[in-house]
C-alpha atoms as a PDB file:
ATOM      1  CA  UNK A   1      10.160  23.912   6.877  1.00  0.00           C
ATOM      2  CA  UNK A   2       9.589  22.438   3.427  1.00  0.00           C
ATOM      3  CA  UNK A   3      12.541  22.270   1.074  1.00  0.00           C
ATOM      4  CA  UNK A   4      13.416  20.655  -2.280  1.00  0.00           C
ATOM      5  CA  UNK A   5      14.048  17.298  -0.597  1.00  0.00           C
ATOM      6  CA  UNK A   6      10.420  16.963   0.515  1.00  0.00           C
ATOM      7  CA  UNK A   7       8.268  14.784  -1.746  1.00  0.00           C
ATOM      8  CA  UNK A   8       4.636  13.868  -1.139  1.00  0.00           C
ATOM      9  CA  UNK A   9       4.177  10.130  -0.661  1.00  0.00           C
ATOM     10  CA  UNK A  10       1.354   9.652   1.833  1.00  0.00           C
ATOM     11  CA  UNK A  11      -1.334  11.743   3.511  1.00  0.00           C
ATOM     12  CA  UNK A  12      -3.047  10.627   6.706  1.00  0.00           C
ATOM     13  CA  UNK A  13      -5.928  12.432   8.402  1.00  0.00           C
ATOM     14  CA  UNK A  14      -5.970  11.219  11.997  1.00  0.00           C
ATOM     15  CA  UNK A  15      -9.101  11.114  14.158  1.00  0.00           C
ATOM     16  CA  UNK A  16     -11.178  11.104  10.968  1.00  0.00           C
ATOM     17  CA  UNK A  17     -14.351  10.163  12.864  1.00  0.00           C
ATOM     18  CA  UNK A  18     -14.304  13.530  14.642  1.00  0.00           C
ATOM     19  CA  UNK A  19     -14.345  15.258  11.251  1.00  0.00           C
ATOM     20  CA  UNK A  20     -17.107  13.003   9.848  1.00  0.00           C
ATOM     21  CA  UNK A  21     -14.710  11.382   7.391  1.00  0.00           C
ATOM     22  CA  UNK A  22     -15.175   7.762   8.498  1.00  0.00           C
ATOM     23  CA  UNK A  23     -16.883   4.713   7.006  1.00  0.00           C
ATOM     24  CA  UNK A  24     -20.013   5.245   9.104  1.00  0.00           C
ATOM     25  CA  UNK A  25     -20.810   8.292   6.972  1.00  0.00           C
ATOM     26  CA  UNK A  26     -20.464   6.178   3.826  1.00  0.00           C
ATOM     27  CA  UNK A  27     -18.222   8.828   2.342  1.00  0.00           C
ATOM     28  CA  UNK A  28     -15.315   8.235   0.030  1.00  0.00           C
ATOM     29  CA  UNK A  29     -12.954  10.968  -1.066  1.00  0.00           C
ATOM     30  CA  UNK A  30     -11.055  11.627  -4.241  1.00  0.00           C
ATOM     31  CA  UNK A  31      -7.830  13.496  -3.637  1.00  0.00           C
ATOM     32  CA  UNK A  32      -6.083  15.952  -5.917  1.00  0.00           C
ATOM     33  CA  UNK A  33      -3.126  18.283  -5.676  1.00  0.00           C
ATOM     34  CA  UNK A  34      -3.195  21.839  -7.008  1.00  0.00           C
ATOM     35  CA  UNK A  35       0.133  23.444  -7.748  1.00  0.00           C
ATOM     36  CA  UNK A  36       1.268  27.029  -7.328  1.00  0.00           C
ATOM     37  CA  UNK A  37       0.788  29.087 -10.476  1.00  0.00           C
ATOM     38  CA  UNK A  38       4.512  29.603 -11.027  1.00  0.00           C
ATOM     39  CA  UNK A  39       5.088  25.837 -11.396  1.00  0.00           C
ATOM     40  CA  UNK A  40       2.844  25.816 -14.517  1.00  0.00           C
ATOM     41  CA  UNK A  41       1.667  22.296 -13.615  1.00  0.00           C
ATOM     42  CA  UNK A  42      -1.895  21.069 -13.994  1.00  0.00           C
ATOM     43  CA  UNK A  43      -3.753  19.610 -11.017  1.00  0.00           C
ATOM     44  CA  UNK A  44      -2.827  15.989 -10.354  1.00  0.00           C
ATOM     45  CA  UNK A  45      -5.172  13.300  -9.087  1.00  0.00           C
ATOM     46  CA  UNK A  46      -3.880  11.031  -6.329  1.00  0.00           C
ATOM     47  CA  UNK A  47      -6.858   8.652  -6.493  1.00  0.00           C
ATOM     48  CA  UNK A  48      -9.271   7.658  -3.743  1.00  0.00           C
ATOM     49  CA  UNK A  49      -8.540   7.921  -0.033  1.00  0.00           C
ATOM     50  CA  UNK A  50      -9.112   4.738   1.974  1.00  0.00           C
ATOM     51  CA  UNK A  51     -10.381   4.324   5.511  1.00  0.00           C
ATOM     52  CA  UNK A  52      -8.014   2.634   7.974  1.00  0.00           C
ATOM     53  CA  UNK A  53      -9.734   1.221  11.072  1.00  0.00           C
ATOM     54  CA  UNK A  54      -6.418   0.955  12.849  1.00  0.00           C
ATOM     55  CA  UNK A  55      -5.693   4.479  13.966  1.00  0.00           C
ATOM     56  CA  UNK A  56      -9.071   5.952  12.949  1.00  0.00           C
ATOM     57  CA  UNK A  57      -7.640   7.637   9.883  1.00  0.00           C
ATOM     58  CA  UNK A  58      -8.323   8.390   6.254  1.00  0.00           C
ATOM     59  CA  UNK A  59      -5.263   7.842   4.083  1.00  0.00           C
ATOM     60  CA  UNK A  60      -4.041   8.155   0.538  1.00  0.00           C
ATOM     61  CA  UNK A  61      -0.802   6.670  -0.736  1.00  0.00           C
ATOM     62  CA  UNK A  62       1.038   8.458  -3.529  1.00  0.00           C
ATOM     63  CA  UNK A  63       3.219   6.815  -6.142  1.00  0.00           C
ATOM     64  CA  UNK A  64       6.328   5.115  -4.903  1.00  0.00           C
ATOM     65  CA  UNK A  65       9.022   7.658  -5.763  1.00  0.00           C
ATOM     66  CA  UNK A  66      11.411   4.834  -6.627  1.00  0.00           C
ATOM     67  CA  UNK A  67       9.198   3.423  -9.406  1.00  0.00           C
ATOM     68  CA  UNK A  68      10.163   4.269 -12.991  1.00  0.00           C
ATOM     69  CA  UNK A  69       6.686   5.558 -13.836  1.00  0.00           C
ATOM     70  CA  UNK A  70       6.266   7.695 -10.718  1.00  0.00           C
ATOM     71  CA  UNK A  71       5.915  11.450 -10.833  1.00  0.00           C
ATOM     72  CA  UNK A  72       6.973  12.610  -7.367  1.00  0.00           C
ATOM     73  CA  UNK A  73       5.206  15.681  -6.051  1.00  0.00           C
ATOM     74  CA  UNK A  74       7.574  18.375  -4.849  1.00  0.00           C
ATOM     75  CA  UNK A  75       5.926  19.943  -1.803  1.00  0.00           C
ATOM     76  CA  UNK A  76       7.522  23.303  -2.553  1.00  0.00           C
ATOM     77  CA  UNK A  77       5.233  23.492  -5.618  1.00  0.00           C
ATOM     78  CA  UNK A  78       1.976  22.500  -3.866  1.00  0.00           C
ATOM     79  CA  UNK A  79      -0.714  25.128  -3.358  1.00  0.00           C
ATOM     80  CA  UNK A  80      -3.562  22.967  -1.997  1.00  0.00           C
ATOM     81  CA  UNK A  81      -4.454  19.327  -1.448  1.00  0.00           C
ATOM     82  CA  UNK A  82      -8.185  18.787  -1.918  1.00  0.00           C
ATOM     83  CA  UNK A  83     -10.318  15.949  -0.544  1.00  0.00           C
ATOM     84  CA  UNK A  84     -13.629  15.877  -2.455  1.00  0.00           C
ATOM     85  CA  UNK A  85     -16.491  13.811  -1.064  1.00  0.00           C
ATOM     86  CA  UNK A  86     -17.673  11.330  -3.673  1.00  0.00           C
END
């Protein structure tokens, strides 16, 4: 259950090869977060997902929530997280 203490910091898609999201396909992915309409927030880019050989996964690291410039993403406000093939 997601509550107000849950902040997005990292997304990992395991077994990425099975989904065709590995380096062999030559694909890179930009990642963005869309918020629920009631939050009145614009979509936020998380950057580019990186392939991790160890664990066969595609991963994206969000801002460190302890940094002054970070803008933590409250999961209770997230509608969708979109991986777009570049």
